[in-house]
Amino acid sequence: MEEIPANCILSKGTTGCGATTLATVQNIPTLIAMPFVELIDNKAQQFPDNRNGRPVLLPIYGEGDKTREIRKYMDRHGDLPKIATTYDSVPKVCSILDSLGYDPYGNMHLCVDE
């Protein structure tokens, strides 16, 4: 499996890989929602950079304005963004992306990790 189909539920035991790993490496802009900060950090460490030395996965969580961090990432990765965030931060991330002129609802897949 090279790409997560839209509108589906995956079983890791059936597919042989986790959806978050596939969401991180597929060639589709993806917002990954995770329940815990530790999971986000772990996934970001698994994918620190691509062949160009750019970070593949942007971890976003915690308090404060993340606009600057997301803008900097999107300036370099706007063609294929991969952002991991907590469930409760999904609306905040989408709002920031929208304010930067990027339509997360029309241009990104949402992968919900449990």
PDB file of N, CA and C in Angstrom:
ATOM      1  N   MET A   1       0.847  -1.170   0.000  1.00  0.00           N
ATOM      2  CA  MET A   1       0.000   0.000   0.000  1.00  0.00           C
ATOM      3  C   MET A   1       0.897   1.238   0.000  1.00  0.00           C
ATOM      4  N   GLU A   2       0.678   2.122  -0.963  1.00  0.00           N
ATOM      5  CA  GLU A   2       1.502   3.317  -1.086  1.00  0.00           C
ATOM      6  C   GLU A   2       0.760   4.596  -0.735  1.00  0.00           C
ATOM      7  N   GLU A   3      -0.554   4.508  -0.625  1.00  0.00           N
ATOM      8  CA  GLU A   3      -1.361   5.693  -0.382  1.00  0.00           C
ATOM      9  C   GLU A   3      -2.593   5.304   0.420  1.00  0.00           C
ATOM     10  N   ILE A   4      -2.968   6.139   1.362  1.00  0.00           N
ATOM     11  CA  ILE A   4      -4.174   5.887   2.145  1.00  0.00           C
ATOM     12  C   ILE A   4      -5.381   6.293   1.307  1.00  0.00           C
ATOM     13  N   PRO A   5      -6.316   5.380   1.098  1.00  0.00           N
ATOM     14  CA  PRO A   5      -7.528   5.753   0.370  1.00  0.00           C
ATOM     15  C   PRO A   5      -8.350   6.758   1.185  1.00  0.00           C
ATOM     16  N   ALA A   6      -9.087   7.596   0.521  1.00  0.00           N
ATOM     17  CA  ALA A   6      -9.946   8.559   1.209  1.00  0.00           C
ATOM     18  C   ALA A   6     -11.097   7.835   1.894  1.00  0.00           C
ATOM     19  N   ASN A   7     -11.541   8.396   3.000  1.00  0.00           N
ATOM     20  CA  ASN A   7     -12.717   7.904   3.728  1.00  0.00           C
ATOM     21  C   ASN A   7     -12.629   6.431   4.096  1.00  0.00           C
ATOM     22  N   CYS A   8     -11.570   6.058   4.779  1.00  0.00           N
ATOM     23  CA  CYS A   8     -11.421   4.658   5.151  1.00  0.00           C
ATOM     24  C   CYS A   8     -10.900   4.527   6.576  1.00  0.00           C
ATOM     25  N   ILE A   9     -11.056   3.341   7.118  1.00  0.00           N
ATOM     26  CA  ILE A   9     -10.490   2.976   8.414  1.00  0.00           C
ATOM     27  C   ILE A   9      -9.521   1.844   8.146  1.00  0.00           C
ATOM     28  N   LEU A  10      -8.277   2.006   8.624  1.00  0.00           N
ATOM     29  CA  LEU A  10      -7.249   0.994   8.386  1.00  0.00           C
ATOM     30  C   LEU A  10      -6.946   0.212   9.649  1.00  0.00           C
ATOM     31  N   SER A  11      -6.711  -1.066   9.480  1.00  0.00           N
ATOM     32  CA  SER A  11      -6.247  -1.919  10.562  1.00  0.00           C
ATOM     33  C   SER A  11      -4.766  -2.181  10.339  1.00  0.00           C
ATOM     34  N   LYS A  12      -3.936  -1.790  11.299  1.00  0.00           N
ATOM     35  CA  LYS A  12      -2.491  -1.959  11.160  1.00  0.00           C
ATOM     36  C   LYS A  12      -2.133  -3.424  10.925  1.00  0.00           C
ATOM     37  N   GLY A  13      -2.836  -4.328  11.571  1.00  0.00           N
ATOM     38  CA  GLY A  13      -2.570  -5.756  11.404  1.00  0.00           C
ATOM     39  C   GLY A  13      -2.853  -6.242   9.997  1.00  0.00           C
ATOM     40  N   THR A  14      -3.819  -5.649   9.340  1.00  0.00           N
ATOM     41  CA  THR A  14      -4.178  -6.055   7.986  1.00  0.00           C
ATOM     42  C   THR A  14      -3.246  -5.449   6.942  1.00  0.00           C
ATOM     43  N   THR A  15      -2.912  -4.169   7.108  1.00  0.00           N
ATOM     44  CA  THR A  15      -2.113  -3.477   6.092  1.00  0.00           C
ATOM     45  C   THR A  15      -0.617  -3.708   6.240  1.00  0.00           C
ATOM     46  N   GLY A  16      -0.174  -4.046   7.439  1.00  0.00           N
ATOM     47  CA  GLY A  16       1.253  -4.276   7.661  1.00  0.00           C
ATOM     48  C   GLY A  16       2.048  -3.022   7.962  1.00  0.00           C
ATOM     49  N   CYS A  17       1.378  -1.883   7.991  1.00  0.00           N
ATOM     50  CA  CYS A  17       2.050  -0.645   8.398  1.00  0.00           C
ATOM     51  C   CYS A  17       1.018   0.260   9.041  1.00  0.00           C
ATOM     52  N   GLY A  18       1.494   1.208   9.813  1.00  0.00           N
ATOM     53  CA  GLY A  18       0.592   2.141  10.456  1.00  0.00           C
ATOM     54  C   GLY A  18       0.152   3.238   9.513  1.00  0.00           C
ATOM     55  N   ALA A  19      -1.039   3.742   9.739  1.00  0.00           N
ATOM     56  CA  ALA A  19      -1.570   4.805   8.888  1.00  0.00           C
ATOM     57  C   ALA A  19      -0.746   6.079   9.005  1.00  0.00           C
ATOM     58  N   THR A  20      -0.222   6.375  10.201  1.00  0.00           N
ATOM     59  CA  THR A  20       0.554   7.609  10.339  1.00  0.00           C
ATOM     60  C   THR A  20       1.860   7.535   9.562  1.00  0.00           C
ATOM     61  N   THR A  21       2.469   6.369   9.518  1.00  0.00           N
ATOM     62  CA  THR A  21       3.686   6.215   8.717  1.00  0.00           C
ATOM     63  C   THR A  21       3.364   6.411   7.245  1.00  0.00           C
ATOM     64  N   LEU A  22       2.313   5.766   6.784  1.00  0.00           N
ATOM     65  CA  LEU A  22       1.914   5.901   5.385  1.00  0.00           C
ATOM     66  C   LEU A  22       1.514   7.345   5.069  1.00  0.00           C
ATOM     67  N   ALA A  23       0.796   7.989   5.986  1.00  0.00           N
ATOM     68  CA  ALA A  23       0.391   9.381   5.775  1.00  0.00           C
ATOM     69  C   ALA A  23       1.597  10.306   5.678  1.00  0.00           C
ATOM     70  N   THR A  24       2.658   9.970   6.387  1.00  0.00           N
ATOM     71  CA  THR A  24       3.863  10.796   6.379  1.00  0.00           C
ATOM     72  C   THR A  24       4.648  10.649   5.085  1.00  0.00           C
ATOM     73  N   VAL A  25       4.635   9.467   4.498  1.00  0.00           N
ATOM     74  CA  VAL A  25       5.461   9.234   3.309  1.00  0.00           C
ATOM     75  C   VAL A  25       4.697   9.328   1.987  1.00  0.00           C
ATOM     76  N   GLN A  26       3.369   9.286   2.014  1.00  0.00           N
ATOM     77  CA  GLN A  26       2.624   9.362   0.753  1.00  0.00           C
ATOM     78  C   GLN A  26       2.741  10.756   0.148  1.00  0.00           C
ATOM     79  N   ASN A  27       2.549  10.845  -1.142  1.00  0.00           N
ATOM     80  CA  ASN A  27       2.682  12.114  -1.867  1.00  0.00           C
ATOM     81  C   ASN A  27       1.380  12.900  -1.885  1.00  0.00           C
ATOM     82  N   ILE A  28       0.803  13.065  -0.707  1.00  0.00           N
ATOM     83  CA  ILE A  28      -0.442  13.810  -0.550  1.00  0.00           C
ATOM     84  C   ILE A  28      -0.273  14.737   0.655  1.00  0.00           C
ATOM     85  N   PRO A  29      -0.604  16.016   0.530  1.00  0.00           N
ATOM     86  CA  PRO A  29      -0.565  16.897   1.696  1.00  0.00           C
ATOM     87  C   PRO A  29      -1.468  16.332   2.796  1.00  0.00           C
ATOM     88  N   THR A  30      -0.939  16.240   4.016  1.00  0.00           N
ATOM     89  CA  THR A  30      -1.667  15.541   5.069  1.00  0.00           C
ATOM     90  C   THR A  30      -1.534  16.234   6.415  1.00  0.00           C
ATOM     91  N   LEU A  31      -2.665  16.336   7.105  1.00  0.00           N
ATOM     92  CA  LEU A  31      -2.713  16.772   8.491  1.00  0.00           C
ATOM     93  C   LEU A  31      -2.982  15.523   9.316  1.00  0.00           C
ATOM     94  N   ILE A  32      -2.088  15.220  10.254  1.00  0.00           N
ATOM     95  CA  ILE A  32      -2.202  14.014  11.067  1.00  0.00           C
ATOM     96  C   ILE A  32      -2.593  14.422  12.481  1.00  0.00           C
ATOM     97  N   ALA A  33      -3.740  13.946  12.940  1.00  0.00           N
ATOM     98  CA  ALA A  33      -4.224  14.244  14.286  1.00  0.00           C
ATOM     99  C   ALA A  33      -3.925  13.057  15.199  1.00  0.00           C
ATOM    100  N   MET A  34      -3.275  13.342  16.324  1.00  0.00           N
ATOM    101  CA  MET A  34      -2.865  12.299  17.260  1.00  0.00           C
ATOM    102  C   MET A  34      -3.336  12.646  18.669  1.00  0.00           C
ATOM    103  N   PRO A  35      -3.558  11.627  19.497  1.00  0.00           N
ATOM    104  CA  PRO A  35      -4.091  11.897  20.831  1.00  0.00           C
ATOM    105  C   PRO A  35      -3.069  12.435  21.831  1.00  0.00           C
ATOM    106  N   PHE A  36      -1.782  12.135  21.630  1.00  0.00           N
ATOM    107  CA  PHE A  36      -0.779  12.483  22.635  1.00  0.00           C
ATOM    108  C   PHE A  36       0.439  13.169  22.015  1.00  0.00           C
ATOM    109  N   VAL A  37       0.992  14.120  22.736  1.00  0.00           N
ATOM    110  CA  VAL A  37       2.196  14.834  22.313  1.00  0.00           C
ATOM    111  C   VAL A  37       3.352  13.861  22.111  1.00  0.00           C
ATOM    112  N   GLU A  38       3.455  12.862  22.975  1.00  0.00           N
ATOM    113  CA  GLU A  38       4.544  11.888  22.870  1.00  0.00           C
ATOM    114  C   GLU A  38       4.515  11.161  21.530  1.00  0.00           C
ATOM    115  N   LEU A  39       3.331  10.851  21.040  1.00  0.00           N
ATOM    116  CA  LEU A  39       3.207  10.195  19.733  1.00  0.00           C
ATOM    117  C   LEU A  39       3.669  11.123  18.613  1.00  0.00           C
ATOM    118  N   ILE A  40       3.320  12.388  18.721  1.00  0.00           N
ATOM    119  CA  ILE A  40       3.736  13.368  17.718  1.00  0.00           C
ATOM    120  C   ILE A  40       5.255  13.483  17.696  1.00  0.00           C
ATOM    121  N   ASP A  41       5.849  13.618  18.867  1.00  0.00           N
ATOM    122  CA  ASP A  41       7.313  13.727  18.951  1.00  0.00           C
ATOM    123  C   ASP A  41       7.997  12.477  18.412  1.00  0.00           C
ATOM    124  N   ASN A  42       7.447  11.314  18.746  1.00  0.00           N
ATOM    125  CA  ASN A  42       8.021  10.058  18.265  1.00  0.00           C
ATOM    126  C   ASN A  42       7.982   9.986  16.745  1.00  0.00           C
ATOM    127  N   LYS A  43       6.861  10.349  16.155  1.00  0.00           N
ATOM    128  CA  LYS A  43       6.729  10.300  14.698  1.00  0.00           C
ATOM    129  C   LYS A  43       7.644  11.331  14.037  1.00  0.00           C
ATOM    130  N   ALA A  44       7.762  12.516  14.623  1.00  0.00           N
ATOM    131  CA  ALA A  44       8.652  13.549  14.071  1.00  0.00           C
ATOM    132  C   ALA A  44      10.109  13.090  14.116  1.00  0.00           C
ATOM    133  N   GLN A  45      10.487  12.341  15.144  1.00  0.00           N
ATOM    134  CA  GLN A  45      11.853  11.818  15.238  1.00  0.00           C
ATOM    135  C   GLN A  45      12.100  10.718  14.211  1.00  0.00           C
ATOM    136  N   GLN A  46      11.064   9.978  13.856  1.00  0.00           N
ATOM    137  CA  GLN A  46      11.198   8.923  12.849  1.00  0.00           C
ATOM    138  C   GLN A  46      11.427   9.505  11.456  1.00  0.00           C
ATOM    139  N   PHE A  47      10.924  10.709  11.231  1.00  0.00           N
ATOM    140  CA  PHE A  47      11.020  11.352   9.918  1.00  0.00           C
ATOM    141  C   PHE A  47      11.618  12.745  10.070  1.00  0.00           C
ATOM    142  N   PRO A  48      12.908  12.831  10.452  1.00  0.00           N
ATOM    143  CA  PRO A  48      13.503  14.141  10.722  1.00  0.00           C
ATOM    144  C   PRO A  48      13.718  14.999   9.479  1.00  0.00           C
ATOM    145  N   ASP A  49      14.032  14.395   8.344  1.00  0.00           N
ATOM    146  CA  ASP A  49      14.228  15.193   7.134  1.00  0.00           C
ATOM    147  C   ASP A  49      14.127  14.312   5.898  1.00  0.00           C
ATOM    148  N   ASN A  50      13.998  14.963   4.767  1.00  0.00           N
ATOM    149  CA  ASN A  50      13.953  14.225   3.506  1.00  0.00           C
ATOM    150  C   ASN A  50      15.312  14.329   2.824  1.00  0.00           C
ATOM    151  N   ARG A  51      15.369  13.969   1.592  1.00  0.00           N
ATOM    152  CA  ARG A  51      16.643  13.993   0.861  1.00  0.00           C
ATOM    153  C   ARG A  51      17.258  15.382   0.757  1.00  0.00           C
ATOM    154  N   ASN A  52      16.446  16.409   0.878  1.00  0.00           N
ATOM    155  CA  ASN A  52      16.950  17.779   0.792  1.00  0.00           C
ATOM    156  C   ASN A  52      17.344  18.340   2.154  1.00  0.00           C
ATOM    157  N   GLY A  53      17.262  17.518   3.196  1.00  0.00           N
ATOM    158  CA  GLY A  53      17.589  17.985   4.532  1.00  0.00           C
ATOM    159  C   GLY A  53      16.499  18.817   5.181  1.00  0.00           C
ATOM    160  N   ARG A  54      15.310  18.835   4.576  1.00  0.00           N
ATOM    161  CA  ARG A  54      14.194  19.589   5.137  1.00  0.00           C
ATOM    162  C   ARG A  54      13.370  18.674   6.035  1.00  0.00           C
ATOM    163  N   PRO A  55      12.843  19.193   7.144  1.00  0.00           N
ATOM    164  CA  PRO A  55      11.997  18.349   7.979  1.00  0.00           C
ATOM    165  C   PRO A  55      10.764  17.907   7.202  1.00  0.00           C
ATOM    166  N   VAL A  56      10.446  16.650   7.326  1.00  0.00           N
ATOM    167  CA  VAL A  56       9.294  16.101   6.619  1.00  0.00           C
ATOM    168  C   VAL A  56       8.008  16.417   7.373  1.00  0.00           C
ATOM    169  N   LEU A  57       8.028  16.222   8.671  1.00  0.00           N
ATOM    170  CA  LEU A  57       6.823  16.320   9.481  1.00  0.00           C
ATOM    171  C   LEU A  57       6.954  17.469  10.472  1.00  0.00           C
ATOM    172  N   LEU A  58       5.998  18.382  10.444  1.00  0.00           N
ATOM    173  CA  LEU A  58       6.005  19.504  11.377  1.00  0.00           C
ATOM    174  C   LEU A  58       5.144  19.157  12.584  1.00  0.00           C
ATOM    175  N   PRO A  59       5.742  19.038  13.769  1.00  0.00           N
ATOM    176  CA  PRO A  59       4.952  18.786  14.973  1.00  0.00           C
ATOM    177  C   PRO A  59       4.426  20.107  15.541  1.00  0.00           C
ATOM    178  N   ILE A  60       3.113  20.206  15.717  1.00  0.00           N
ATOM    179  CA  ILE A  60       2.492  21.412  16.268  1.00  0.00           C
ATOM    180  C   ILE A  60       1.601  21.019  17.439  1.00  0.00           C
ATOM    181  N   TYR A  61       1.914  21.572  18.604  1.00  0.00           N
ATOM    182  CA  TYR A  61       1.088  21.355  19.796  1.00  0.00           C
ATOM    183  C   TYR A  61       1.464  22.397  20.834  1.00  0.00           C
ATOM    184  N   GLY A  62       0.688  22.470  21.884  1.00  0.00           N
ATOM    185  CA  GLY A  62       0.986  23.393  22.976  1.00  0.00           C
ATOM    186  C   GLY A  62       0.309  24.735  22.811  1.00  0.00           C
ATOM    187  N   GLU A  63       0.522  25.557  23.819  1.00  0.00           N
ATOM    188  CA  GLU A  63      -0.084  26.884  23.866  1.00  0.00           C
ATOM    189  C   GLU A  63       0.691  27.865  22.992  1.00  0.00           C
ATOM    190  N   GLY A  64       0.064  28.971  22.741  1.00  0.00           N
ATOM    191  CA  GLY A  64       0.735  30.044  22.017  1.00  0.00           C
ATOM    192  C   GLY A  64       0.413  30.054  20.533  1.00  0.00           C
ATOM    193  N   ASP A  65       0.798  31.135  19.907  1.00  0.00           N
ATOM    194  CA  ASP A  65       0.546  31.329  18.482  1.00  0.00           C
ATOM    195  C   ASP A  65       1.581  30.554  17.665  1.00  0.00           C
ATOM    196  N   LYS A  66       1.121  29.678  16.818  1.00  0.00           N
ATOM    197  CA  LYS A  66       2.002  28.839  15.995  1.00  0.00           C
ATOM    198  C   LYS A  66       2.097  29.339  14.550  1.00  0.00           C
ATOM    199  N   THR A  67       1.547  30.534  14.291  1.00  0.00           N
ATOM    200  CA  THR A  67       1.509  31.056  12.925  1.00  0.00           C
ATOM    201  C   THR A  67       2.897  31.163  12.310  1.00  0.00           C
ATOM    202  N   ARG A  68       3.829  31.718  13.036  1.00  0.00           N
ATOM    203  CA  ARG A  68       5.180  31.912  12.500  1.00  0.00           C
ATOM    204  C   ARG A  68       5.835  30.575  12.153  1.00  0.00           C
ATOM    205  N   GLU A  69       5.691  29.612  13.039  1.00  0.00           N
ATOM    206  CA  GLU A  69       6.273  28.287  12.820  1.00  0.00           C
ATOM    207  C   GLU A  69       5.658  27.604  11.595  1.00  0.00           C
ATOM    208  N   ILE A  70       4.335  27.700  11.487  1.00  0.00           N
ATOM    209  CA  ILE A  70       3.643  27.085  10.353  1.00  0.00           C
ATOM    210  C   ILE A  70       3.979  27.830   9.061  1.00  0.00           C
ATOM    211  N   ARG A  71       4.036  29.151   9.110  1.00  0.00           N
ATOM    212  CA  ARG A  71       4.382  29.935   7.913  1.00  0.00           C
ATOM    213  C   ARG A  71       5.769  29.547   7.395  1.00  0.00           C
ATOM    214  N   LYS A  72       6.733  29.463   8.293  1.00  0.00           N
ATOM    215  CA  LYS A  72       8.099  29.100   7.899  1.00  0.00           C
ATOM    216  C   LYS A  72       8.121  27.718   7.249  1.00  0.00           C
ATOM    217  N   TYR A  73       7.398  26.781   7.832  1.00  0.00           N
ATOM    218  CA  TYR A  73       7.324  25.428   7.279  1.00  0.00           C
ATOM    219  C   TYR A  73       6.650  25.444   5.907  1.00  0.00           C
ATOM    220  N   MET A  74       5.526  26.154   5.796  1.00  0.00           N
ATOM    221  CA  MET A  74       4.779  26.189   4.535  1.00  0.00           C
ATOM    222  C   MET A  74       5.569  26.888   3.431  1.00  0.00           C
ATOM    223  N   ASP A  75       6.395  27.854   3.784  1.00  0.00           N
ATOM    224  CA  ASP A  75       7.243  28.505   2.777  1.00  0.00           C
ATOM    225  C   ASP A  75       8.167  27.492   2.109  1.00  0.00           C
ATOM    226  N   ARG A  76       8.559  26.473   2.835  1.00  0.00           N
ATOM    227  CA  ARG A  76       9.475  25.461   2.299  1.00  0.00           C
ATOM    228  C   ARG A  76       8.760  24.195   1.839  1.00  0.00           C
ATOM    229  N   HIS A  77       7.585  23.928   2.406  1.00  0.00           N
ATOM    230  CA  HIS A  77       6.909  22.654   2.145  1.00  0.00           C
ATOM    231  C   HIS A  77       5.475  22.808   1.647  1.00  0.00           C
ATOM    232  N   GLY A  78       5.109  23.991   1.201  1.00  0.00           N
ATOM    233  CA  GLY A  78       3.735  24.236   0.782  1.00  0.00           C
ATOM    234  C   GLY A  78       3.242  23.320  -0.319  1.00  0.00           C
ATOM    235  N   ASP A  79       4.178  22.730  -1.076  1.00  0.00           N
ATOM    236  CA  ASP A  79       3.793  21.811  -2.142  1.00  0.00           C
ATOM    237  C   ASP A  79       3.373  20.448  -1.589  1.00  0.00           C
ATOM    238  N   LEU A  80       3.898  20.062  -0.429  1.00  0.00           N
ATOM    239  CA  LEU A  80       3.577  18.752   0.142  1.00  0.00           C
ATOM    240  C   LEU A  80       3.692  18.795   1.669  1.00  0.00           C
ATOM    241  N   PRO A  81       2.827  19.575   2.320  1.00  0.00           N
ATOM    242  CA  PRO A  81       2.934  19.696   3.773  1.00  0.00           C
ATOM    243  C   PRO A  81       2.483  18.431   4.506  1.00  0.00           C
ATOM    244  N   LYS A  82       3.170  18.171   5.600  1.00  0.00           N
ATOM    245  CA  LYS A  82       2.842  17.077   6.517  1.00  0.00           C
ATOM    246  C   LYS A  82       2.911  17.671   7.913  1.00  0.00           C
ATOM    247  N   ILE A  83       1.768  17.827   8.550  1.00  0.00           N
ATOM    248  CA  ILE A  83       1.711  18.451   9.867  1.00  0.00           C
ATOM    249  C   ILE A  83       1.044  17.486  10.835  1.00  0.00           C
ATOM    250  N   ALA A  84       1.697  17.245  11.970  1.00  0.00           N
ATOM    251  CA  ALA A  84       1.140  16.397  13.019  1.00  0.00           C
ATOM    252  C   ALA A  84       0.756  17.280  14.197  1.00  0.00           C
ATOM    253  N   THR A  85      -0.444  17.078  14.705  1.00  0.00           N
ATOM    254  CA  THR A  85      -0.932  17.890  15.810  1.00  0.00           C
ATOM    255  C   THR A  85      -1.865  17.070  16.688  1.00  0.00           C
ATOM    256  N   THR A  86      -2.193  17.598  17.845  1.00  0.00           N
ATOM    257  CA  THR A  86      -3.131  16.918  18.729  1.00  0.00           C
ATOM    258  C   THR A  86      -4.553  17.152  18.227  1.00  0.00           C
ATOM    259  N   TYR A  87      -5.458  16.287  18.666  1.00  0.00           N
ATOM    260  CA  TYR A  87      -6.852  16.403  18.231  1.00  0.00           C
ATOM    261  C   TYR A  87      -7.386  17.818  18.458  1.00  0.00           C
ATOM    262  N   ASP A  88      -7.153  18.349  19.657  1.00  0.00           N
ATOM    263  CA  ASP A  88      -7.734  19.647  19.994  1.00  0.00           C
ATOM    264  C   ASP A  88      -7.090  20.814  19.247  1.00  0.00           C
ATOM    265  N   SER A  89      -5.937  20.594  18.632  1.00  0.00           N
ATOM    266  CA  SER A  89      -5.275  21.667  17.882  1.00  0.00           C
ATOM    267  C   SER A  89      -5.594  21.658  16.393  1.00  0.00           C
ATOM    268  N   VAL A  90      -6.339  20.678  15.923  1.00  0.00           N
ATOM    269  CA  VAL A  90      -6.677  20.612  14.494  1.00  0.00           C
ATOM    270  C   VAL A  90      -7.375  21.891  14.021  1.00  0.00           C
ATOM    271  N   PRO A  91      -8.405  22.380  14.737  1.00  0.00           N
ATOM    272  CA  PRO A  91      -9.046  23.620  14.264  1.00  0.00           C
ATOM    273  C   PRO A  91      -8.086  24.811  14.230  1.00  0.00           C
ATOM    274  N   LYS A  92      -7.194  24.895  15.220  1.00  0.00           N
ATOM    275  CA  LYS A  92      -6.228  26.000  15.268  1.00  0.00           C
ATOM    276  C   LYS A  92      -5.267  25.923  14.083  1.00  0.00           C
ATOM    277  N   VAL A  93      -4.756  24.744  13.791  1.00  0.00           N
ATOM    278  CA  VAL A  93      -3.838  24.571  12.667  1.00  0.00           C
ATOM    279  C   VAL A  93      -4.548  24.903  11.353  1.00  0.00           C
ATOM    280  N   CYS A  94      -5.769  24.418  11.193  1.00  0.00           N
ATOM    281  CA  CYS A  94      -6.527  24.701   9.962  1.00  0.00           C
ATOM    282  C   CYS A  94      -6.790  26.194   9.809  1.00  0.00           C
ATOM    283  N   SER A  95      -7.104  26.862  10.903  1.00  0.00           N
ATOM    284  CA  SER A  95      -7.342  28.304  10.863  1.00  0.00           C
ATOM    285  C   SER A  95      -6.076  29.058  10.454  1.00  0.00           C
ATOM    286  N   ILE A  96      -4.936  28.653  10.995  1.00  0.00           N
ATOM    287  CA  ILE A  96      -3.667  29.298  10.635  1.00  0.00           C
ATOM    288  C   ILE A  96      -3.352  29.059   9.162  1.00  0.00           C
ATOM    289  N   LEU A  97      -3.495  27.817   8.715  1.00  0.00           N
ATOM    290  CA  LEU A  97      -3.236  27.509   7.304  1.00  0.00           C
ATOM    291  C   LEU A  97      -4.128  28.355   6.402  1.00  0.00           C
ATOM    292  N   ASP A  98      -5.401  28.455   6.770  1.00  0.00           N
ATOM    293  CA  ASP A  98      -6.348  29.251   5.992  1.00  0.00           C
ATOM    294  C   ASP A  98      -5.929  30.723   5.964  1.00  0.00           C
ATOM    295  N   SER A  99      -5.479  31.242   7.102  1.00  0.00           N
ATOM    296  CA  SER A  99      -5.049  32.647   7.162  1.00  0.00           C
ATOM    297  C   SER A  99      -3.805  32.905   6.316  1.00  0.00           C
ATOM    298  N   LEU A 100      -3.038  31.845   6.047  1.00  0.00           N
ATOM    299  CA  LEU A 100      -1.843  31.960   5.207  1.00  0.00           C
ATOM    300  C   LEU A 100      -2.153  31.752   3.724  1.00  0.00           C
ATOM    301  N   GLY A 101      -3.446  31.562   3.415  1.00  0.00           N
ATOM    302  CA  GLY A 101      -3.843  31.388   2.022  1.00  0.00           C
ATOM    303  C   GLY A 101      -3.820  29.952   1.540  1.00  0.00           C
ATOM    304  N   TYR A 102      -3.698  29.005   2.463  1.00  0.00           N
ATOM    305  CA  TYR A 102      -3.685  27.585   2.105  1.00  0.00           C
ATOM    306  C   TYR A 102      -4.986  26.967   2.598  1.00  0.00           C
ATOM    307  N   ASP A 103      -5.719  26.309   1.726  1.00  0.00           N
ATOM    308  CA  ASP A 103      -7.007  25.710   2.077  1.00  0.00           C
ATOM    309  C   ASP A 103      -6.809  24.282   2.582  1.00  0.00           C
ATOM    310  N   PRO A 104      -6.753  24.076   3.896  1.00  0.00           N
ATOM    311  CA  PRO A 104      -6.527  22.725   4.405  1.00  0.00           C
ATOM    312  C   PRO A 104      -7.710  21.796   4.142  1.00  0.00           C
ATOM    313  N   TYR A 105      -8.910  22.356   4.055  1.00  0.00           N
ATOM    314  CA  TYR A 105     -10.102  21.530   3.853  1.00  0.00           C
ATOM    315  C   TYR A 105     -10.185  20.983   2.433  1.00  0.00           C
ATOM    316  N   GLY A 106      -9.681  21.724   1.476  1.00  0.00           N
ATOM    317  CA  GLY A 106      -9.723  21.285   0.092  1.00  0.00           C
ATOM    318  C   GLY A 106      -8.441  20.651  -0.403  1.00  0.00           C
ATOM    319  N   ASN A 107      -7.325  20.923   0.288  1.00  0.00           N
ATOM    320  CA  ASN A 107      -6.026  20.489  -0.222  1.00  0.00           C
ATOM    321  C   ASN A 107      -5.314  19.422   0.597  1.00  0.00           C
ATOM    322  N   MET A 108      -5.847  19.077   1.763  1.00  0.00           N
ATOM    323  CA  MET A 108      -5.147  18.118   2.623  1.00  0.00           C
ATOM    324  C   MET A 108      -6.047  16.948   2.999  1.00  0.00           C
ATOM    325  N   HIS A 109      -5.420  15.802   3.165  1.00  0.00           N
ATOM    326  CA  HIS A 109      -6.100  14.677   3.791  1.00  0.00           C
ATOM    327  C   HIS A 109      -5.964  14.845   5.297  1.00  0.00           C
ATOM    328  N   LEU A 110      -6.935  14.343   6.034  1.00  0.00           N
ATOM    329  CA  LEU A 110      -6.861  14.305   7.490  1.00  0.00           C
ATOM    330  C   LEU A 110      -6.734  12.851   7.900  1.00  0.00           C
ATOM    331  N   CYS A 111      -5.646  12.525   8.579  1.00  0.00           N
ATOM    332  CA  CYS A 111      -5.416  11.181   9.093  1.00  0.00           C
ATOM    333  C   CYS A 111      -5.558  11.252  10.608  1.00  0.00           C
ATOM    334  N   VAL A 112      -6.513  10.522  11.160  1.00  0.00           N
ATOM    335  CA  VAL A 112      -6.737  10.518  12.600  1.00  0.00           C
ATOM    336  C   VAL A 112      -6.152   9.240  13.177  1.00  0.00           C
ATOM    337  N   ASP A 113      -5.151   9.400  14.013  1.00  0.00           N
ATOM    338  CA  ASP A 113      -4.493   8.273  14.675  1.00  0.00           C
ATOM    339  C   ASP A 113      -5.162   8.069  16.024  1.00  0.00           C
ATOM    340  N   GLU A 114      -5.354   6.830  16.380  1.00  0.00           N
ATOM    341  CA  GLU A 114      -5.918   6.560  17.700  1.00  0.00           C
ATOM    342  C   GLU A 114      -4.916   5.834  18.520  1.00  0.00           C
TER     343      GLU A 114
END
